[in-house]
C-alpha atoms as a PDB file:
ATOM      1  CA  MET A   1     -26.173 -17.364  36.480  1.00  0.00           C
ATOM      2  CA  VAL A   2     -23.848 -14.482  37.386  1.00  0.00           C
ATOM      3  CA  ALA A   3     -20.921 -16.350  35.845  1.00  0.00           C
ATOM      4  CA  THR A   4     -22.868 -16.833  32.616  1.00  0.00           C
ATOM      5  CA  ILE A   5     -23.765 -13.149  32.419  1.00  0.00           C
ATOM      6  CA  SER A   6     -20.192 -12.130  33.255  1.00  0.00           C
ATOM      7  CA  ALA A   7     -18.803 -14.444  30.579  1.00  0.00           C
ATOM      8  CA  GLY A   8     -21.323 -13.030  28.115  1.00  0.00           C
ATOM      9  CA  PHE A   9     -20.319  -9.461  28.892  1.00  0.00           C
ATOM     10  CA  GLY A  10     -16.682 -10.479  28.557  1.00  0.00           C
ATOM     11  CA  LEU A  11     -17.364 -11.905  25.102  1.00  0.00           C
ATOM     12  CA  VAL A  12     -19.327  -8.820  24.037  1.00  0.00           C
ATOM     13  CA  VAL A  13     -16.503  -6.540  25.194  1.00  0.00           C
ATOM     14  CA  SER A  14     -13.980  -8.795  23.424  1.00  0.00           C
ATOM     15  CA  SER A  15     -15.985  -8.463  20.226  1.00  0.00           C
ATOM     16  CA  LEU A  16     -16.033  -4.671  20.566  1.00  0.00           C
ATOM     17  CA  LEU A  17     -12.274  -4.622  21.163  1.00  0.00           C
ATOM     18  CA  MET A  18     -11.755  -6.812  18.095  1.00  0.00           C
ATOM     19  CA  GLY A  19     -13.746  -4.269  16.077  1.00  0.00           C
ATOM     20  CA  LEU A  20     -11.673  -1.431  17.493  1.00  0.00           C
ATOM     21  CA  LEU A  21      -8.469  -3.229  16.546  1.00  0.00           C
ATOM     22  CA  GLU A  22      -9.794  -3.900  13.046  1.00  0.00           C
ATOM     23  CA  SER A  23     -10.671  -0.224  12.667  1.00  0.00           C
ATOM     24  CA  HIS A  24      -7.190   0.742  13.849  1.00  0.00           C
ATOM     25  CA  PHE A  25      -5.546  -1.534  11.287  1.00  0.00           C
ATOM     26  CA  ARG A  26      -7.795  -0.178   8.542  1.00  0.00           C
ATOM     27  CA  ARG A  27      -6.725   3.388   9.303  1.00  0.00           C
ATOM     28  CA  LEU A  28      -3.037   2.557   9.006  1.00  0.00           C
ATOM     29  CA  ARG A  29      -1.284   2.911   5.694  1.00  0.00           C
ATOM     30  CA  PRO A  30      -0.753  -0.511   4.090  1.00  0.00           C
ATOM     31  CA  TRP A  31       3.006  -0.481   4.668  1.00  0.00           C
ATOM     32  CA  ASP A  32       2.493   0.329   8.359  1.00  0.00           C
ATOM     33  CA  ARG A  33       0.130  -2.594   8.986  1.00  0.00           C
ATOM     34  CA  PRO A  34       1.392  -5.851  10.480  1.00  0.00           C
ATOM     35  CA  ARG A  35       2.143  -8.475   7.861  1.00  0.00           C
ATOM     36  CA  TRP A  36      -0.557 -10.878   9.089  1.00  0.00           C
ATOM     37  CA  VAL A  37      -3.223  -8.205   8.591  1.00  0.00           C
ATOM     38  CA  LEU A  38      -2.392  -7.968   4.891  1.00  0.00           C
ATOM     39  CA  THR A  39      -3.149 -11.621   4.224  1.00  0.00           C
ATOM     40  CA  PRO A  40      -6.474 -12.548   2.602  1.00  0.00           C
ATOM     41  CA  ALA A  41      -7.191 -14.894   5.497  1.00  0.00           C
ATOM     42  CA  PHE A  42      -7.395 -11.936   7.885  1.00  0.00           C
ATOM     43  CA  ALA A  43     -10.349 -10.429   6.048  1.00  0.00           C
ATOM     44  CA  LEU A  44     -12.036 -13.806   5.714  1.00  0.00           C
ATOM     45  CA  VAL A  45     -11.616 -14.830   9.351  1.00  0.00           C
ATOM     46  CA  TRP A  46     -11.467 -11.709  11.536  1.00  0.00           C
ATOM     47  CA  THR A  47     -14.861 -10.075  10.912  1.00  0.00           C
ATOM     48  CA  PRO A  48     -16.910 -13.308  11.003  1.00  0.00           C
ATOM     49  CA  ALA A  49     -15.040 -14.385  14.144  1.00  0.00           C
ATOM     50  CA  ARG A  50     -15.808 -11.030  15.757  1.00  0.00           C
ATOM     51  CA  ARG A  51     -19.491 -11.411  14.946  1.00  0.00           C
ATOM     52  CA  VAL A  52     -19.591 -14.994  16.209  1.00  0.00           C
ATOM     53  CA  VAL A  53     -18.006 -13.893  19.498  1.00  0.00           C
ATOM     54  CA  LEU A  54     -20.645 -11.142  19.774  1.00  0.00           C
ATOM     55  CA  VAL A  55     -23.542 -13.538  19.134  1.00  0.00           C
ATOM     56  CA  ILE A  56     -22.186 -16.097  21.606  1.00  0.00           C
ATOM     57  CA  GLY A  57     -21.767 -13.333  24.190  1.00  0.00           C
ATOM     58  CA  LEU A  58     -25.316 -12.085  23.681  1.00  0.00           C
ATOM     59  CA  GLY A  59     -26.556 -15.671  23.870  1.00  0.00           C
ATOM     60  CA  ALA A  60     -24.750 -16.190  27.174  1.00  0.00           C
ATOM     61  CA  ILE A  61     -26.250 -12.995  28.578  1.00  0.00           C
ATOM     62  CA  LEU A  62     -29.689 -14.052  27.331  1.00  0.00           C
ATOM     63  CA  ARG A  63     -29.287 -17.417  29.014  1.00  0.00           C
ATOM     64  CA  GLY A  64     -28.526 -15.685  32.305  1.00  0.00           C
ATOM     65  CA  SER A  65     -30.994 -12.787  32.189  1.00  0.00           C
ATOM     66  CA  ARG A  66     -33.438 -11.603  29.553  1.00  0.00           C
ATOM     67  CA  PRO A  67     -33.546  -7.984  30.795  1.00  0.00           C
ATOM     68  CA  ALA A  68     -29.743  -7.792  30.777  1.00  0.00           C
ATOM     69  CA  ALA A  69     -29.677  -9.206  27.242  1.00  0.00           C
ATOM     70  CA  ALA A  70     -32.297  -6.689  26.101  1.00  0.00           C
ATOM     71  CA  ALA A  71     -30.365  -3.821  27.695  1.00  0.00           C
ATOM     72  CA  THR A  72     -27.109  -5.009  26.131  1.00  0.00           C
ATOM     73  CA  ALA A  73     -28.697  -5.413  22.700  1.00  0.00           C
ATOM     74  CA  GLY A  74     -30.265  -1.958  23.027  1.00  0.00           C
ATOM     75  CA  ALA A  75     -26.944  -0.404  23.994  1.00  0.00           C
ATOM     76  CA  LEU A  76     -25.200  -2.119  21.078  1.00  0.00           C
ATOM     77  CA  PHE A  77     -27.924  -0.924  18.707  1.00  0.00           C
ATOM     78  CA  ALA A  78     -27.582   2.651  20.014  1.00  0.00           C
ATOM     79  CA  MET A  79     -23.812   2.457  19.526  1.00  0.00           C
ATOM     80  CA  LEU A  80     -24.299   1.201  15.968  1.00  0.00           C
ATOM     81  CA  VAL A  81     -26.727   4.012  15.127  1.00  0.00           C
ATOM     82  CA  TYR A  82     -24.351   6.607  16.610  1.00  0.00           C
ATOM     83  CA  LEU A  83     -21.399   5.170  14.679  1.00  0.00           C
ATOM     84  CA  ARG A  84     -23.337   5.258  11.404  1.00  0.00           C
ATOM     85  CA  TRP A  85     -24.328   8.862  12.081  1.00  0.00           C
ATOM     86  CA  VAL A  86     -20.771   9.946  12.903  1.00  0.00           C
ATOM     87  CA  ARG A  87     -19.415   8.253   9.780  1.00  0.00           C
ATOM     88  CA  SER A  88     -22.102   9.734   7.529  1.00  0.00           C
ATOM     89  CA  GLU A  89     -21.198  12.131   4.757  1.00  0.00           C
ATOM     90  CA  GLY A  90     -23.469  14.858   6.117  1.00  0.00           C
ATOM     91  CA  HIS A  91     -21.881  14.770   9.555  1.00  0.00           C
ATOM     92  CA  ALA A  92     -18.368  14.896   8.077  1.00  0.00           C
ATOM     93  CA  ARG A  93     -19.349  17.829   5.860  1.00  0.00           C
ATOM     94  CA  ARG A  94     -20.867  19.796   8.738  1.00  0.00           C
ATOM     95  CA  HIS A  95     -17.817  19.069  10.883  1.00  0.00           C
ATOM     96  CA  LEU A  96     -15.461  20.367   8.182  1.00  0.00           C
ATOM     97  CA  GLU A  97     -17.601  23.487   7.747  1.00  0.00           C
ATOM     98  CA  LYS A  98     -17.371  24.127  11.504  1.00  0.00           C
ATOM     99  CA  VAL A  99     -13.592  23.632  11.449  1.00  0.00           C
ATOM    100  CA  VAL A 100     -13.212  26.127   8.589  1.00  0.00           C
ATOM    101  CA  GLU A 101     -15.410  28.644  10.426  1.00  0.00           C
ATOM    102  CA  LYS A 102     -13.515  28.167  13.697  1.00  0.00           C
ATOM    103  CA  VAL A 103     -10.132  28.646  12.024  1.00  0.00           C
ATOM    104  CA  ARG A 104     -11.442  31.681  10.120  1.00  0.00           C
ATOM    105  CA  ARG A 105     -12.621  33.308  13.361  1.00  0.00           C
ATOM    106  CA  GLY A 106      -9.287  32.607  15.031  1.00  0.00           C
ATOM    107  CA  ARG A 107      -7.283  34.284  12.272  1.00  0.00           C
ATOM    108  CA  THR A 108      -7.038  38.022  11.946  1.00  0.00           C
ATOM    109  CA  GLY A 109      -5.840  38.227   8.342  1.00  0.00           C
ATOM    110  CA  GLY A 110      -6.597  36.357   5.168  1.00  0.00           C
ATOM    111  CA  GLY A 111      -9.831  35.455   3.540  1.00  0.00           C
ATOM    112  CA  VAL A 112     -11.959  32.376   3.375  1.00  0.00           C
ATOM    113  CA  ALA A 113      -9.800  30.850   0.622  1.00  0.00           C
ATOM    114  CA  GLU A 114      -6.665  31.152   2.747  1.00  0.00           C
ATOM    115  CA  THR A 115      -8.480  29.574   5.686  1.00  0.00           C
ATOM    116  CA  MET A 116      -9.685  26.671   3.555  1.00  0.00           C
ATOM    117  CA  ARG A 117      -6.136  26.209   2.231  1.00  0.00           C
ATOM    118  CA  THR A 118      -4.770  26.086   5.786  1.00  0.00           C
ATOM    119  CA  VAL A 119      -7.390  23.570   6.915  1.00  0.00           C
ATOM    120  CA  LEU A 120      -6.865  21.326   3.896  1.00  0.00           C
ATOM    121  CA  PHE A 121      -3.065  21.438   4.216  1.00  0.00           C
ATOM    122  CA  ALA A 122      -3.429  20.415   7.856  1.00  0.00           C
ATOM    123  CA  ARG A 123      -5.758  17.526   6.966  1.00  0.00           C
ATOM    124  CA  HIS A 124      -4.010  16.279   3.833  1.00  0.00           C
ATOM    125  CA  PRO A 125      -0.476  17.567   3.286  1.00  0.00           C
ATOM    126  CA  GLU A 126       0.106  14.653   0.898  1.00  0.00           C
ATOM    127  CA  TRP A 127      -2.378  16.120  -1.599  1.00  0.00           C
ATOM    128  CA  GLY A 128       0.048  18.883  -2.536  1.00  0.00           C
ATOM    129  CA  ALA A 129      -0.363  22.582  -3.178  1.00  0.00           C
ATOM    130  CA  ASP A 130      -1.618  22.208  -6.765  1.00  0.00           C
ATOM    131  CA  LEU A 131      -4.548  19.927  -5.955  1.00  0.00           C
ATOM    132  CA  ILE A 132      -5.488  21.967  -2.892  1.00  0.00           C
ATOM    133  CA  GLN A 133      -5.425  25.207  -4.893  1.00  0.00           C
ATOM    134  CA  ARG A 134      -7.507  23.601  -7.620  1.00  0.00           C
ATOM    135  CA  ILE A 135     -10.124  22.459  -5.091  1.00  0.00           C
ATOM    136  CA  ILE A 136     -10.295  25.952  -3.598  1.00  0.00           C
ATOM    137  CA  ASP A 137     -10.533  27.593  -7.039  1.00  0.00           C
ATOM    138  CA  ASP A 138     -13.341  25.247  -8.098  1.00  0.00           C
ATOM    139  CA  HIS A 139     -15.225  25.542  -4.793  1.00  0.00           C
ATOM    140  CA  PRO A 140     -14.752  29.035  -3.305  1.00  0.00           C
ATOM    141  CA  ASP A 141     -17.512  28.867  -0.697  1.00  0.00           C
ATOM    142  CA  PRO A 142     -17.027  26.751   2.459  1.00  0.00           C
ATOM    143  CA  ARG A 143     -20.172  24.649   1.918  1.00  0.00           C
ATOM    144  CA  SER A 144     -19.255  23.333  -1.542  1.00  0.00           C
ATOM    145  CA  PHE A 145     -15.603  23.083  -0.431  1.00  0.00           C
ATOM    146  CA  ALA A 146     -16.577  20.853   2.498  1.00  0.00           C
ATOM    147  CA  ARG A 147     -18.865  18.718   0.332  1.00  0.00           C
ATOM    148  CA  THR A 148     -16.095  18.161  -2.241  1.00  0.00           C
ATOM    149  CA  VAL A 149     -13.368  17.449   0.313  1.00  0.00           C
ATOM    150  CA  VAL A 150     -15.540  14.924   2.146  1.00  0.00           C
ATOM    151  CA  ARG A 151     -16.408  13.216  -1.140  1.00  0.00           C
ATOM    152  CA  LEU A 152     -12.709  13.059  -2.101  1.00  0.00           C
ATOM    153  CA  GLU A 153     -11.794  11.686   1.329  1.00  0.00           C
ATOM    154  CA  ARG A 154     -14.431   8.975   1.038  1.00  0.00           C
ATOM    155  CA  GLN A 155     -13.112   7.951  -2.378  1.00  0.00           C
ATOM    156  CA  ALA A 156      -9.445   8.113  -1.371  1.00  0.00           C
ATOM    157  CA  PHE A 157      -9.875   6.500   2.064  1.00  0.00           C
ATOM    158  CA  PRO A 158     -12.903   4.175   1.829  1.00  0.00           C
ATOM    159  CA  GLY A 159     -12.269   2.445   5.148  1.00  0.00           C
ATOM    160  CA  ARG A 160     -12.555   5.590   7.228  1.00  0.00           C
END
């Protein structure tokens, strides 16, 4: 019984680590990813395999102990809800607004536009001065600036 539960927890943790590795690969630029990740077979095999490992792990825990399986499923559900909340557009917008406010308080000179320029250059130097200036000109207040930047990030980097 203990061996079954331990094996189940091992499979659940393996599934979570597979998800973490997949997320890491997704965040890399395409030319920085390992060659085997770029193949179509990776996308077709990796995610279903990760889910199968998770289901088998939960099944093994359930076979050993129903309360442990319920607790594990509850913890996984709580982690999923938290992850969805952290990745939400509203959370990202509020976080960017807080970053702009924190940087603005830390600086003695310059206005809000200069602070937003500094924050955006730090986040996305590849966007260039022209695009950043255009965003700041079109959205002078931090709230609309954050909403636009988050929307652009979601369109430019859909896996994040």
